[in-house]
Amino acid sequence: MALTDIQLFTACMDFTLHHTHESEQQTFKELETTGATRLVNGLAPLRLQRARSCCRHVLDV
């Protein structure tokens, strides 16, 4: 059975958010041992992606 546009969108968003969450968790784990600027700066795009995905979901549904 083919997915509706909303179901496809939701599946893509869930995939993106899951990957973003895994990346954030890995970065937080690394930050426990070092405060490297690259790790701190790496969190910004991950959080923006998550916020964008959540806002789109709320606005589109």
PDB file of N, CA and C in Angstrom:
ATOM      1  N   MET A   1       0.839  -1.171   0.000  1.00  0.00           N
ATOM      2  CA  MET A   1       0.000   0.000   0.000  1.00  0.00           C
ATOM      3  C   MET A   1       0.890   1.243   0.000  1.00  0.00           C
ATOM      4  N   ALA A   2       0.583   2.183  -0.847  1.00  0.00           N
ATOM      5  CA  ALA A   2       1.354   3.420  -0.938  1.00  0.00           C
ATOM      6  C   ALA A   2       1.050   4.329   0.246  1.00  0.00           C
ATOM      7  N   LEU A   3       2.054   5.047   0.679  1.00  0.00           N
ATOM      8  CA  LEU A   3       1.884   5.987   1.790  1.00  0.00           C
ATOM      9  C   LEU A   3       1.294   7.300   1.285  1.00  0.00           C
ATOM     10  N   THR A   4       0.491   7.915   2.126  1.00  0.00           N
ATOM     11  CA  THR A   4      -0.001   9.245   1.791  1.00  0.00           C
ATOM     12  C   THR A   4       1.151  10.237   1.957  1.00  0.00           C
ATOM     13  N   ASP A   5       0.958  11.440   1.457  1.00  0.00           N
ATOM     14  CA  ASP A   5       2.001  12.463   1.599  1.00  0.00           C
ATOM     15  C   ASP A   5       2.318  12.734   3.062  1.00  0.00           C
ATOM     16  N   ILE A   6       1.297  12.782   3.896  1.00  0.00           N
ATOM     17  CA  ILE A   6       1.510  13.037   5.329  1.00  0.00           C
ATOM     18  C   ILE A   6       2.277  11.894   5.972  1.00  0.00           C
ATOM     19  N   GLN A   7       1.931  10.658   5.620  1.00  0.00           N
ATOM     20  CA  GLN A   7       2.628   9.505   6.192  1.00  0.00           C
ATOM     21  C   GLN A   7       4.089   9.480   5.733  1.00  0.00           C
ATOM     22  N   LEU A   8       4.323   9.803   4.478  1.00  0.00           N
ATOM     23  CA  LEU A   8       5.692   9.836   3.959  1.00  0.00           C
ATOM     24  C   LEU A   8       6.484  10.950   4.633  1.00  0.00           C
ATOM     25  N   PHE A   9       5.878  12.109   4.753  1.00  0.00           N
ATOM     26  CA  PHE A   9       6.527  13.228   5.422  1.00  0.00           C
ATOM     27  C   PHE A   9       6.875  12.871   6.862  1.00  0.00           C
ATOM     28  N   THR A  10       5.932  12.266   7.568  1.00  0.00           N
ATOM     29  CA  THR A  10       6.153  11.876   8.961  1.00  0.00           C
ATOM     30  C   THR A  10       7.276  10.857   9.076  1.00  0.00           C
ATOM     31  N   ALA A  11       7.314   9.892   8.165  1.00  0.00           N
ATOM     32  CA  ALA A  11       8.382   8.889   8.187  1.00  0.00           C
ATOM     33  C   ALA A  11       9.746   9.537   7.945  1.00  0.00           C
ATOM     34  N   CYS A  12       9.817  10.459   7.017  1.00  0.00           N
ATOM     35  CA  CYS A  12      11.081  11.158   6.739  1.00  0.00           C
ATOM     36  C   CYS A  12      11.511  12.001   7.933  1.00  0.00           C
ATOM     37  N   MET A  13      10.559  12.688   8.537  1.00  0.00           N
ATOM     38  CA  MET A  13      10.862  13.506   9.702  1.00  0.00           C
ATOM     39  C   MET A  13      11.352  12.642  10.862  1.00  0.00           C
ATOM     40  N   ASP A  14      10.693  11.524  11.093  1.00  0.00           N
ATOM     41  CA  ASP A  14      11.117  10.621  12.163  1.00  0.00           C
ATOM     42  C   ASP A  14      12.528  10.110  11.926  1.00  0.00           C
ATOM     43  N   PHE A  15      12.836   9.761  10.681  1.00  0.00           N
ATOM     44  CA  PHE A  15      14.182   9.291  10.337  1.00  0.00           C
ATOM     45  C   PHE A  15      15.211  10.379  10.630  1.00  0.00           C
ATOM     46  N   THR A  16      14.919  11.605  10.185  1.00  0.00           N
ATOM     47  CA  THR A  16      15.842  12.723  10.393  1.00  0.00           C
ATOM     48  C   THR A  16      16.042  13.011  11.871  1.00  0.00           C
ATOM     49  N   LEU A  17      14.943  13.054  12.620  1.00  0.00           N
ATOM     50  CA  LEU A  17      15.052  13.350  14.047  1.00  0.00           C
ATOM     51  C   LEU A  17      15.788  12.254  14.802  1.00  0.00           C
ATOM     52  N   HIS A  18      15.578  11.006  14.403  1.00  0.00           N
ATOM     53  CA  HIS A  18      16.280   9.893  15.053  1.00  0.00           C
ATOM     54  C   HIS A  18      17.788  10.026  14.834  1.00  0.00           C
ATOM     55  N   HIS A  19      18.181  10.309  13.599  1.00  0.00           N
ATOM     56  CA  HIS A  19      19.607  10.467  13.291  1.00  0.00           C
ATOM     57  C   HIS A  19      20.182  11.672  14.037  1.00  0.00           C
ATOM     58  N   THR A  20      19.432  12.762  14.075  1.00  0.00           N
ATOM     59  CA  THR A  20      19.885  13.957  14.780  1.00  0.00           C
ATOM     60  C   THR A  20      20.067  13.664  16.269  1.00  0.00           C
ATOM     61  N   HIS A  21      19.119  12.938  16.844  1.00  0.00           N
ATOM     62  CA  HIS A  21      19.205  12.592  18.268  1.00  0.00           C
ATOM     63  C   HIS A  21      20.443  11.736  18.541  1.00  0.00           C
ATOM     64  N   GLU A  22      20.703  10.750  17.689  1.00  0.00           N
ATOM     65  CA  GLU A  22      21.885   9.897  17.868  1.00  0.00           C
ATOM     66  C   GLU A  22      23.164  10.724  17.790  1.00  0.00           C
ATOM     67  N   SER A  23      23.227  11.641  16.840  1.00  0.00           N
ATOM     68  CA  SER A  23      24.410  12.486  16.686  1.00  0.00           C
ATOM     69  C   SER A  23      24.595  13.394  17.891  1.00  0.00           C
ATOM     70  N   GLU A  24      23.489  13.958  18.388  1.00  0.00           N
ATOM     71  CA  GLU A  24      23.567  14.804  19.583  1.00  0.00           C
ATOM     72  C   GLU A  24      24.065  14.012  20.783  1.00  0.00           C
ATOM     73  N   GLN A  25      23.536  12.822  20.975  1.00  0.00           N
ATOM     74  CA  GLN A  25      23.945  11.997  22.111  1.00  0.00           C
ATOM     75  C   GLN A  25      25.434  11.659  22.039  1.00  0.00           C
ATOM     76  N   GLN A  26      25.919  11.355  20.846  1.00  0.00           N
ATOM     77  CA  GLN A  26      27.346  11.060  20.666  1.00  0.00           C
ATOM     78  C   GLN A  26      28.180  12.297  21.000  1.00  0.00           C
ATOM     79  N   THR A  27      27.726  13.449  20.556  1.00  0.00           N
ATOM     80  CA  THR A  27      28.453  14.687  20.836  1.00  0.00           C
ATOM     81  C   THR A  27      28.458  14.987  22.332  1.00  0.00           C
ATOM     82  N   PHE A  28      27.310  14.819  23.004  1.00  0.00           N
ATOM     83  CA  PHE A  28      27.254  15.037  24.453  1.00  0.00           C
ATOM     84  C   PHE A  28      28.206  14.080  25.180  1.00  0.00           C
ATOM     85  N   LYS A  29      28.267  12.850  24.716  1.00  0.00           N
ATOM     86  CA  LYS A  29      29.168  11.866  25.327  1.00  0.00           C
ATOM     87  C   LYS A  29      30.618  12.320  25.188  1.00  0.00           C
ATOM     88  N   GLU A  30      30.971  12.808  24.007  1.00  0.00           N
ATOM     89  CA  GLU A  30      32.338  13.292  23.795  1.00  0.00           C
ATOM     90  C   GLU A  30      32.615  14.544  24.620  1.00  0.00           C
ATOM     91  N   LEU A  31      31.592  15.390  24.809  1.00  0.00           N
ATOM     92  CA  LEU A  31      31.774  16.612  25.591  1.00  0.00           C
ATOM     93  C   LEU A  31      32.016  16.326  27.071  1.00  0.00           C
ATOM     94  N   GLU A  32      31.668  15.141  27.535  1.00  0.00           N
ATOM     95  CA  GLU A  32      31.937  14.782  28.931  1.00  0.00           C
ATOM     96  C   GLU A  32      33.432  14.697  29.215  1.00  0.00           C
ATOM     97  N   THR A  33      34.215  14.437  28.171  1.00  0.00           N
ATOM     98  CA  THR A  33      35.652  14.291  28.368  1.00  0.00           C
ATOM     99  C   THR A  33      36.454  15.472  27.838  1.00  0.00           C
ATOM    100  N   THR A  34      35.840  16.302  26.997  1.00  0.00           N
ATOM    101  CA  THR A  34      36.551  17.447  26.448  1.00  0.00           C
ATOM    102  C   THR A  34      35.554  18.550  26.129  1.00  0.00           C
ATOM    103  N   GLY A  35      35.995  19.757  26.206  1.00  0.00           N
ATOM    104  CA  GLY A  35      35.137  20.894  25.863  1.00  0.00           C
ATOM    105  C   GLY A  35      35.529  21.488  24.529  1.00  0.00           C
ATOM    106  N   ALA A  36      35.932  20.627  23.613  1.00  0.00           N
ATOM    107  CA  ALA A  36      36.436  21.080  22.320  1.00  0.00           C
ATOM    108  C   ALA A  36      35.418  21.974  21.604  1.00  0.00           C
ATOM    109  N   THR A  37      35.924  23.069  21.071  1.00  0.00           N
ATOM    110  CA  THR A  37      35.077  24.030  20.366  1.00  0.00           C
ATOM    111  C   THR A  37      34.347  23.367  19.209  1.00  0.00           C
ATOM    112  N   ARG A  38      35.008  22.453  18.500  1.00  0.00           N
ATOM    113  CA  ARG A  38      34.375  21.795  17.350  1.00  0.00           C
ATOM    114  C   ARG A  38      33.138  21.019  17.782  1.00  0.00           C
ATOM    115  N   LEU A  39      33.153  20.446  18.986  1.00  0.00           N
ATOM    116  CA  LEU A  39      31.990  19.705  19.476  1.00  0.00           C
ATOM    117  C   LEU A  39      30.854  20.655  19.849  1.00  0.00           C
ATOM    118  N   VAL A  40      31.211  21.737  20.528  1.00  0.00           N
ATOM    119  CA  VAL A  40      30.201  22.726  20.910  1.00  0.00           C
ATOM    120  C   VAL A  40      29.572  23.319  19.649  1.00  0.00           C
ATOM    121  N   ASN A  41      30.400  23.692  18.687  1.00  0.00           N
ATOM    122  CA  ASN A  41      29.898  24.259  17.443  1.00  0.00           C
ATOM    123  C   ASN A  41      29.105  23.229  16.641  1.00  0.00           C
ATOM    124  N   GLY A  42      29.427  21.965  16.797  1.00  0.00           N
ATOM    125  CA  GLY A  42      28.727  20.913  16.074  1.00  0.00           C
ATOM    126  C   GLY A  42      27.297  20.706  16.556  1.00  0.00           C
ATOM    127  N   LEU A  43      27.008  21.115  17.781  1.00  0.00           N
ATOM    128  CA  LEU A  43      25.650  20.963  18.310  1.00  0.00           C
ATOM    129  C   LEU A  43      24.661  21.935  17.673  1.00  0.00           C
ATOM    130  N   ALA A  44      25.124  23.097  17.284  1.00  0.00           N
ATOM    131  CA  ALA A  44      24.221  24.121  16.748  1.00  0.00           C
ATOM    132  C   ALA A  44      23.433  23.635  15.532  1.00  0.00           C
ATOM    133  N   PRO A  45      24.092  23.094  14.491  1.00  0.00           N
ATOM    134  CA  PRO A  45      23.305  22.650  13.338  1.00  0.00           C
ATOM    135  C   PRO A  45      22.379  21.484  13.668  1.00  0.00           C
ATOM    136  N   LEU A  46      22.774  20.626  14.591  1.00  0.00           N
ATOM    137  CA  LEU A  46      21.910  19.512  14.973  1.00  0.00           C
ATOM    138  C   LEU A  46      20.639  20.021  15.646  1.00  0.00           C
ATOM    139  N   ARG A  47      20.793  20.987  16.518  1.00  0.00           N
ATOM    140  CA  ARG A  47      19.624  21.543  17.206  1.00  0.00           C
ATOM    141  C   ARG A  47      18.738  22.338  16.256  1.00  0.00           C
ATOM    142  N   LEU A  48      19.354  23.055  15.323  1.00  0.00           N
ATOM    143  CA  LEU A  48      18.566  23.794  14.339  1.00  0.00           C
ATOM    144  C   LEU A  48      17.769  22.839  13.451  1.00  0.00           C
ATOM    145  N   GLN A  49      18.392  21.750  13.046  1.00  0.00           N
ATOM    146  CA  GLN A  49      17.694  20.772  12.204  1.00  0.00           C
ATOM    147  C   GLN A  49      16.510  20.181  12.952  1.00  0.00           C
ATOM    148  N   ARG A  50      16.716  19.852  14.204  1.00  0.00           N
ATOM    149  CA  ARG A  50      15.633  19.285  15.004  1.00  0.00           C
ATOM    150  C   ARG A  50      14.505  20.302  15.165  1.00  0.00           C
ATOM    151  N   ALA A  51      14.849  21.544  15.458  1.00  0.00           N
ATOM    152  CA  ALA A  51      13.834  22.585  15.625  1.00  0.00           C
ATOM    153  C   ALA A  51      13.076  22.824  14.326  1.00  0.00           C
ATOM    154  N   ARG A  52      13.792  22.853  13.221  1.00  0.00           N
ATOM    155  CA  ARG A  52      13.151  23.053  11.918  1.00  0.00           C
ATOM    156  C   ARG A  52      12.192  21.929  11.595  1.00  0.00           C
ATOM    157  N   SER A  53      12.627  20.705  11.837  1.00  0.00           N
ATOM    158  CA  SER A  53      11.783  19.543  11.549  1.00  0.00           C
ATOM    159  C   SER A  53      10.531  19.549  12.414  1.00  0.00           C
ATOM    160  N   CYS A  54      10.693  19.880  13.678  1.00  0.00           N
ATOM    161  CA  CYS A  54       9.535  19.910  14.583  1.00  0.00           C
ATOM    162  C   CYS A  54       8.563  21.017  14.177  1.00  0.00           C
ATOM    163  N   CYS A  55       9.079  22.183  13.851  1.00  0.00           N
ATOM    164  CA  CYS A  55       8.211  23.306  13.445  1.00  0.00           C
ATOM    165  C   CYS A  55       7.471  22.970  12.154  1.00  0.00           C
ATOM    166  N   ARG A  56       8.142  22.386  11.197  1.00  0.00           N
ATOM    167  CA  ARG A  56       7.480  22.022   9.949  1.00  0.00           C
ATOM    168  C   ARG A  56       6.369  21.031  10.209  1.00  0.00           C
ATOM    169  N   HIS A  57       6.642  20.066  11.068  1.00  0.00           N
ATOM    170  CA  HIS A  57       5.628  19.057  11.367  1.00  0.00           C
ATOM    171  C   HIS A  57       4.393  19.709  11.985  1.00  0.00           C
ATOM    172  N   VAL A  58       4.593  20.599  12.914  1.00  0.00           N
ATOM    173  CA  VAL A  58       3.477  21.258  13.585  1.00  0.00           C
ATOM    174  C   VAL A  58       2.709  22.141  12.603  1.00  0.00           C
ATOM    175  N   LEU A  59       3.429  22.849  11.754  1.00  0.00           N
ATOM    176  CA  LEU A  59       2.786  23.770  10.822  1.00  0.00           C
ATOM    177  C   LEU A  59       2.091  23.055   9.673  1.00  0.00           C
ATOM    178  N   ASP A  60       2.632  21.922   9.253  1.00  0.00           N
ATOM    179  CA  ASP A  60       2.089  21.222   8.085  1.00  0.00           C
ATOM    180  C   ASP A  60       0.928  20.302   8.410  1.00  0.00           C
ATOM    181  N   VAL A  61       0.841  19.842   9.651  1.00  0.00           N
ATOM    182  CA  VAL A  61      -0.185  18.858   9.984  1.00  0.00           C
ATOM    183  C   VAL A  61      -1.438  19.505  10.461  1.00  0.00           C
TER     184      VAL A  61
END
